[in-house]
Amino acid sequence: MKKERIVIALGGNALQADANDCSASSQLQVSRQTAKSLVDLIEEGHEVIIAHGNGPQVGRIVSVYEKVGEPMPFPECGAMSQGYIGYHLQQSIKVEMERRGIDKSVASVVTQVVVDKNDKSFDNPTKPIGAFYSQEAAEVMKKEMGFTMMEDAGRGWRRVVPSPEPVDVIEAPLVKTLVQAGHVVITVGGGGIPVIRNERGLEGVAAVIDKDFAAEKIAEIMEADYLVILTAVEKVSINFNKPNQQDLSEISVEDVYKYIEEGHFAPGSMLPKIKAALKFVESKPGRNVLITSLEKVKEGITGQTGTVIVNKYSDV
């Protein structure tokens, strides 16, 4: 089997068994299970780079600081979550590699991701983070902390921040050096810490970068063969959860655009993954995207399951 350079974007189910439980002990336990599927690929000789989300974790960090009345700047909260999640993943992967007799190092890189300070999302923050508050408490936070607060589906008011697109990854040369030396790297955790370039150099901003788009960006920079986006389902479907649901093994770029136009992919779940996949396969000929579940990733890489997005015209 051909040895590939693979960037894997871990979904929330790879870090939490229960969406309501983001305790350290629970996350570590789930990470131990996640590591088995990741090490399956490492054992096959593939170069593996791991990206992951951080939604519940960073929200919990933000909430703790808000509740004690000493809010921590959001970029620092993102950095904390990268270290916290990265520690669990790197420990779990290392233990599983040692169990199988694989002599490799694994490290988490606290990663800064450049965004455009003129990204239109800064004018319209929409990404909810942290705890729910009453309208009265939200008004106080808006006034005293300068937060943008929005009502969230009748459940209360939450802070919202922008979600800009990634432009570059500051630590990418370091990641490349580590991968070329044979190490396993965890990077762009939670989409990376968003930073802008200004007269002072780099400055962190309160924002959330979608982890699938950050994974796509690092995959481009790393000249990866595969971008693997892991989700809760084995295959992408159209007419999802309807009597005429159709699971797809392969989708052309042309068909992906048609399915998006027809509204088959939910904006809050599958659509960002599909859009990130499109960016990667269209960025250069020969690049592949696999979307599947964590449990099926090994079979997916060998073409036995999952959904592959292909660009039929990439070699023209």
Protein backbone atom coordinates (compact mmCIF):
# COMPACT_ATOMS: atom_id res chain seq x y z
CA MET A 1 0.00 0.00 0.00
CA LYS A 2 1.24 3.47 -0.89
CA LYS A 3 2.39 5.52 2.10
CA GLU A 4 0.50 8.81 2.27
CA ARG A 5 0.84 12.11 4.09
CA ILE A 6 -2.53 12.46 5.81
CA VAL A 7 -4.07 15.39 7.67
CA ILE A 8 -6.90 14.19 9.92
CA ALA A 9 -9.55 16.59 11.22
CA LEU A 10 -11.05 15.08 14.36
CA GLY A 11 -14.72 15.77 15.08
CA GLY A 12 -16.20 16.34 18.50
CA ASN A 13 -17.14 12.67 18.89
CA ALA A 14 -13.45 11.82 18.83
CA LEU A 15 -12.98 13.79 22.05
CA GLN A 16 -16.28 13.38 23.87
CA ALA A 17 -18.58 10.41 24.32
CA ASP A 18 -21.26 12.72 25.70
CA ALA A 19 -21.74 16.27 24.40
CA ASN A 20 -22.69 17.36 27.93
CA ASP A 21 -19.57 15.90 29.54
CA CYS A 22 -16.29 17.63 28.73
CA SER A 23 -14.58 16.67 31.98
CA ALA A 24 -10.89 15.89 31.83
CA SER A 25 -11.35 12.27 32.87
CA SER A 26 -14.03 11.63 30.25
CA GLN A 27 -12.02 13.32 27.50
CA LEU A 28 -8.90 11.33 28.32
CA GLN A 29 -10.86 8.09 28.23
CA VAL A 30 -12.33 8.93 24.79
CA SER A 31 -8.90 10.03 23.55
CA ARG A 32 -7.55 6.58 24.39
CA GLN A 33 -10.15 5.03 22.09
CA THR A 34 -9.54 7.65 19.39
CA ALA A 35 -5.82 6.92 19.47
CA LYS A 36 -6.39 3.32 18.36
CA SER A 37 -7.84 4.41 15.01
CA LEU A 38 -5.13 7.02 14.49
CA VAL A 39 -2.34 4.58 15.29
CA ASP A 40 -3.84 2.11 12.79
CA LEU A 41 -2.74 4.59 10.09
CA ILE A 42 0.62 5.29 11.71
CA GLU A 43 1.26 1.54 11.91
CA GLU A 44 0.67 1.31 8.14
CA GLY A 45 3.55 3.75 7.64
CA HIS A 46 1.53 6.86 6.79
CA GLU A 47 2.70 10.32 7.90
CA VAL A 48 -0.10 11.55 10.16
CA ILE A 49 -0.87 15.15 11.10
CA ILE A 50 -3.82 15.69 13.45
CA ALA A 51 -6.15 18.66 13.73
CA HIS A 52 -9.06 18.86 16.15
CA GLY A 53 -11.94 21.00 17.35
CA ASN A 54 -12.27 22.59 20.78
CA GLY A 55 -15.84 23.93 21.00
CA PRO A 56 -17.01 22.53 24.35
CA GLN A 57 -13.57 22.78 25.93
CA VAL A 58 -12.86 26.41 25.06
CA GLY A 59 -16.43 27.30 25.99
CA ARG A 60 -15.91 25.80 29.41
CA ILE A 61 -12.64 27.72 29.89
CA VAL A 62 -14.32 30.97 28.84
CA SER A 63 -17.27 30.36 31.16
CA VAL A 64 -15.09 29.70 34.19
CA TYR A 65 -13.28 33.01 33.80
CA GLU A 66 -16.52 34.90 33.10
CA LYS A 67 -18.17 33.52 36.22
CA VAL A 68 -15.35 34.68 38.50
CA GLY A 69 -15.58 38.15 36.97
CA GLU A 70 -12.11 38.08 35.43
CA PRO A 71 -12.59 37.25 31.74
CA MET A 72 -9.52 35.82 30.06
CA PRO A 73 -8.75 37.14 26.53
CA PHE A 74 -10.19 34.69 24.03
CA PRO A 75 -6.90 33.93 22.19
CA GLU A 76 -5.42 32.81 25.52
CA CYS A 77 -8.46 30.59 26.13
CA GLY A 78 -7.85 29.00 22.73
CA ALA A 79 -4.21 28.40 23.61
CA MET A 80 -5.24 26.75 26.88
CA SER A 81 -7.61 24.43 25.06
CA GLN A 82 -4.92 23.48 22.53
CA GLY A 83 -2.60 22.43 25.32
CA TYR A 84 -5.32 20.65 27.28
CA ILE A 85 -6.66 18.63 24.35
CA GLY A 86 -3.23 18.13 22.80
CA TYR A 87 -1.89 16.67 26.04
CA HIS A 88 -4.66 14.06 26.11
CA LEU A 89 -4.19 13.15 22.45
CA GLN A 90 -0.41 12.99 22.49
CA GLN A 91 -0.36 10.89 25.64
CA SER A 92 -3.00 8.52 24.28
CA ILE A 93 -1.30 8.15 20.90
CA LYS A 94 2.11 7.58 22.51
CA VAL A 95 0.75 4.91 24.86
CA GLU A 96 -0.97 3.12 21.94
CA MET A 97 2.18 3.29 19.77
CA GLU A 98 4.29 1.87 22.58
CA ARG A 99 1.77 -0.93 23.04
CA ARG A 100 2.28 -1.84 19.38
CA GLY A 101 6.05 -1.44 19.45
CA ILE A 102 6.11 1.72 17.31
CA ASP A 103 9.07 3.97 18.17
CA LYS A 104 7.88 7.46 17.28
CA SER A 105 7.49 10.73 19.12
CA VAL A 106 4.25 12.71 19.16
CA ALA A 107 3.92 16.38 20.02
CA SER A 108 1.29 19.12 20.13
CA VAL A 109 2.21 22.46 18.60
CA VAL A 110 0.45 25.53 19.98
CA THR A 111 -0.51 26.96 16.62
CA GLN A 112 -1.33 30.49 15.48
CA VAL A 113 -3.43 30.85 12.33
CA VAL A 114 -3.40 34.12 10.41
CA VAL A 115 -6.75 35.63 9.45
CA ASP A 116 -7.51 38.73 7.40
CA LYS A 117 -8.35 41.66 9.67
CA ASN A 118 -10.80 42.77 6.97
CA ASP A 119 -12.61 39.42 6.87
CA LYS A 120 -16.32 40.20 6.62
CA SER A 121 -17.10 37.98 9.62
CA PHE A 122 -15.63 40.63 11.94
CA ASP A 123 -18.57 42.85 11.02
CA ASN A 124 -21.08 40.12 11.85
CA PRO A 125 -20.05 37.85 14.77
CA THR A 126 -22.17 34.71 14.79
CA LYS A 127 -20.20 31.94 16.53
CA PRO A 128 -21.62 31.28 20.04
CA ILE A 129 -19.19 30.41 22.84
CA GLY A 130 -19.41 29.86 26.56
CA ALA A 131 -22.33 29.70 28.94
CA PHE A 132 -25.95 30.82 28.63
CA TYR A 133 -27.06 33.97 30.44
CA SER A 134 -30.27 35.84 31.16
CA GLN A 135 -30.98 38.91 29.04
CA GLU A 136 -30.23 41.12 32.03
CA ALA A 137 -26.83 39.51 32.61
CA ALA A 138 -26.09 39.71 28.89
CA GLU A 139 -26.76 43.44 28.89
CA VAL A 140 -24.31 43.89 31.75
CA MET A 141 -21.63 41.89 29.88
CA LYS A 142 -22.19 43.96 26.74
CA LYS A 143 -21.79 47.17 28.70
CA GLU A 144 -18.97 46.23 31.05
CA MET A 145 -16.95 43.79 28.90
CA GLY A 146 -17.77 44.98 25.40
CA PHE A 147 -18.99 41.52 24.33
CA THR A 148 -21.42 40.90 21.50
CA MET A 149 -24.30 38.90 22.98
CA MET A 150 -27.11 37.12 21.12
CA GLU A 151 -30.14 35.10 22.09
CA ASP A 152 -29.58 31.40 21.27
CA ALA A 153 -32.65 29.37 20.25
CA GLY A 154 -34.69 30.24 23.32
CA ARG A 155 -32.08 28.80 25.68
CA GLY A 156 -30.63 32.11 26.85
CA TRP A 157 -28.07 34.66 25.74
CA ARG A 158 -24.49 33.81 24.77
CA ARG A 159 -21.38 35.63 23.68
CA VAL A 160 -20.73 35.45 19.95
CA VAL A 161 -17.46 36.01 18.12
CA PRO A 162 -16.45 36.17 14.44
CA SER A 163 -15.49 33.08 12.45
CA PRO A 164 -12.95 34.25 9.84
CA GLU A 165 -11.31 32.03 7.23
CA PRO A 166 -7.68 30.94 7.72
CA VAL A 167 -5.05 32.59 5.54
CA ASP A 168 -1.78 31.09 6.79
CA VAL A 169 -0.34 29.00 9.61
CA ILE A 170 2.56 30.61 11.48
CA GLU A 171 4.05 27.37 12.81
CA ALA A 172 3.70 25.45 9.53
CA PRO A 173 7.49 25.32 8.88
CA LEU A 174 7.98 23.76 12.32
CA VAL A 175 5.19 21.25 11.69
CA LYS A 176 6.78 20.31 8.36
CA THR A 177 10.19 19.84 9.98
CA LEU A 178 8.73 17.55 12.64
CA VAL A 179 6.75 15.48 10.13
CA GLN A 180 9.72 15.09 7.80
CA ALA A 181 11.76 13.87 10.78
CA GLY A 182 9.21 11.10 11.36
CA HIS A 183 7.23 12.54 14.25
CA VAL A 184 3.45 12.61 14.71
CA VAL A 185 2.16 16.17 15.06
CA ILE A 186 -1.02 17.63 16.54
CA THR A 187 -1.60 21.14 15.19
CA VAL A 188 -4.20 23.88 14.48
CA GLY A 189 -6.12 22.69 17.53
CA GLY A 190 -9.56 24.26 17.69
CA GLY A 191 -8.88 25.81 14.31
CA GLY A 192 -5.77 27.48 15.66
CA ILE A 193 -5.37 30.70 17.65
CA PRO A 194 -6.60 33.46 15.31
CA VAL A 195 -4.03 36.21 14.80
CA ILE A 196 -3.84 39.22 12.51
CA ARG A 197 -0.77 40.94 11.13
CA ASN A 198 -0.36 44.62 12.00
CA GLU A 199 2.37 47.18 12.70
CA ARG A 200 3.30 45.28 15.88
CA GLY A 201 3.68 41.99 14.04
CA LEU A 202 1.11 39.44 15.21
CA GLU A 203 -1.86 40.06 17.48
CA GLY A 204 -4.40 37.57 18.76
CA VAL A 205 -8.06 38.33 18.13
CA ALA A 206 -11.30 37.10 19.68
CA ALA A 207 -12.56 34.73 16.99
CA VAL A 208 -13.09 31.06 16.19
CA ILE A 209 -11.70 29.46 13.02
CA ASP A 210 -13.63 26.45 11.78
CA LYS A 211 -11.45 23.42 12.46
CA ASP A 212 -12.17 21.81 9.09
CA PHE A 213 -11.02 24.92 7.23
CA ALA A 214 -7.90 25.13 9.41
CA ALA A 215 -7.20 21.45 8.70
CA GLU A 216 -7.62 22.15 4.99
CA LYS A 217 -5.17 25.06 5.17
CA ILE A 218 -2.46 23.03 6.95
CA ALA A 219 -3.08 20.16 4.52
CA GLU A 220 -2.45 22.52 1.59
CA ILE A 221 0.70 23.94 3.14
CA MET A 222 2.00 20.48 4.06
CA GLU A 223 1.37 19.16 0.52
CA ALA A 224 -0.71 16.36 2.03
CA ASP A 225 -1.97 13.52 -0.16
CA TYR A 226 -5.16 13.16 1.85
CA LEU A 227 -7.37 15.39 3.94
CA VAL A 228 -9.48 13.12 6.12
CA ILE A 229 -12.48 14.75 7.78
CA LEU A 230 -13.94 12.59 10.51
CA THR A 231 -17.56 12.89 11.52
CA ALA A 232 -20.29 10.87 13.21
CA VAL A 233 -21.39 9.05 10.04
CA GLU A 234 -19.63 6.52 7.84
CA LYS A 235 -20.62 8.20 4.56
CA VAL A 236 -21.94 11.52 3.32
CA SER A 237 -25.60 11.33 2.34
CA ILE A 238 -28.11 13.26 0.33
CA ASN A 239 -31.72 13.42 1.56
CA PHE A 240 -30.30 12.72 5.00
CA ASN A 241 -32.73 11.12 7.48
CA LYS A 242 -35.44 10.89 4.82
CA PRO A 243 -36.96 7.73 3.33
CA ASN A 244 -34.98 8.33 0.12
CA GLN A 245 -31.64 8.86 1.87
CA GLN A 246 -28.74 7.94 -0.41
CA ASP A 247 -25.26 7.25 0.96
CA LEU A 248 -22.47 8.32 -1.37
CA SER A 249 -19.17 6.50 -1.87
CA GLU A 250 -17.73 9.00 -4.36
CA ILE A 251 -18.79 12.53 -5.30
CA SER A 252 -17.42 14.61 -8.13
CA VAL A 253 -16.74 18.30 -7.53
CA GLU A 254 -19.47 19.09 -10.04
CA ASP A 255 -22.01 17.05 -8.08
CA VAL A 256 -20.91 18.57 -4.77
CA TYR A 257 -21.78 22.04 -6.03
CA LYS A 258 -25.14 20.74 -7.23
CA TYR A 259 -25.91 19.12 -3.87
CA ILE A 260 -24.96 22.31 -2.01
CA GLU A 261 -27.28 24.32 -4.25
CA GLU A 262 -30.07 21.83 -3.55
CA GLY A 263 -29.56 22.24 0.22
CA HIS A 264 -28.55 18.67 1.07
CA PHE A 265 -25.89 19.62 3.63
CA ALA A 266 -26.79 21.23 6.96
CA PRO A 267 -24.96 24.55 7.60
CA GLY A 268 -24.07 23.65 11.18
CA SER A 269 -22.71 20.16 10.53
CA MET A 270 -21.87 18.69 7.12
CA LEU A 271 -21.72 21.87 4.99
CA PRO A 272 -18.45 23.25 6.46
CA LYS A 273 -16.83 19.84 5.97
CA ILE A 274 -17.96 19.72 2.34
CA LYS A 275 -16.73 23.25 1.66
CA ALA A 276 -13.35 22.50 3.24
CA ALA A 277 -13.14 19.34 1.14
CA LEU A 278 -13.83 21.33 -2.03
CA LYS A 279 -11.08 23.83 -1.24
CA PHE A 280 -8.56 21.03 -0.84
CA VAL A 281 -9.37 18.95 -3.92
CA GLU A 282 -9.52 22.06 -6.09
CA SER A 283 -6.25 23.50 -4.77
CA LYS A 284 -3.97 21.15 -6.73
CA PRO A 285 -4.28 18.05 -8.94
CA GLY A 286 -4.00 14.68 -7.22
CA ARG A 287 -5.30 15.74 -3.83
CA ASN A 288 -7.92 13.55 -2.16
CA VAL A 289 -10.56 14.04 0.52
CA LEU A 290 -12.12 11.28 2.57
CA ILE A 291 -15.10 11.92 4.84
CA THR A 292 -15.98 9.08 7.18
CA SER A 293 -16.28 8.05 10.82
CA LEU A 294 -13.36 7.60 13.18
CA GLU A 295 -14.02 3.86 13.44
CA LYS A 296 -13.86 3.41 9.66
CA VAL A 297 -10.87 5.61 8.83
CA LYS A 298 -8.47 2.71 8.16
CA GLU A 299 -10.92 1.06 5.76
CA GLY A 300 -11.69 4.44 4.22
CA ILE A 301 -8.06 5.11 3.28
CA THR A 302 -7.97 1.78 1.44
CA GLY A 303 -11.19 2.58 -0.43
CA GLN A 304 -13.44 0.11 1.36
CA THR A 305 -15.86 2.69 2.80
CA GLY A 306 -16.40 6.38 3.44
CA THR A 307 -17.06 9.14 0.92
CA VAL A 308 -14.30 10.33 -1.41
CA ILE A 309 -14.56 13.69 -3.18
CA VAL A 310 -12.77 13.73 -6.51
CA ASN A 311 -12.00 16.41 -9.07
CA LYS A 312 -12.54 14.78 -12.45
CA TYR A 313 -10.91 17.70 -14.22
CA SER A 314 -7.88 18.14 -11.95
CA ASP A 315 -5.44 16.54 -14.36
CA VAL A 316 -6.60 18.44 -17.43
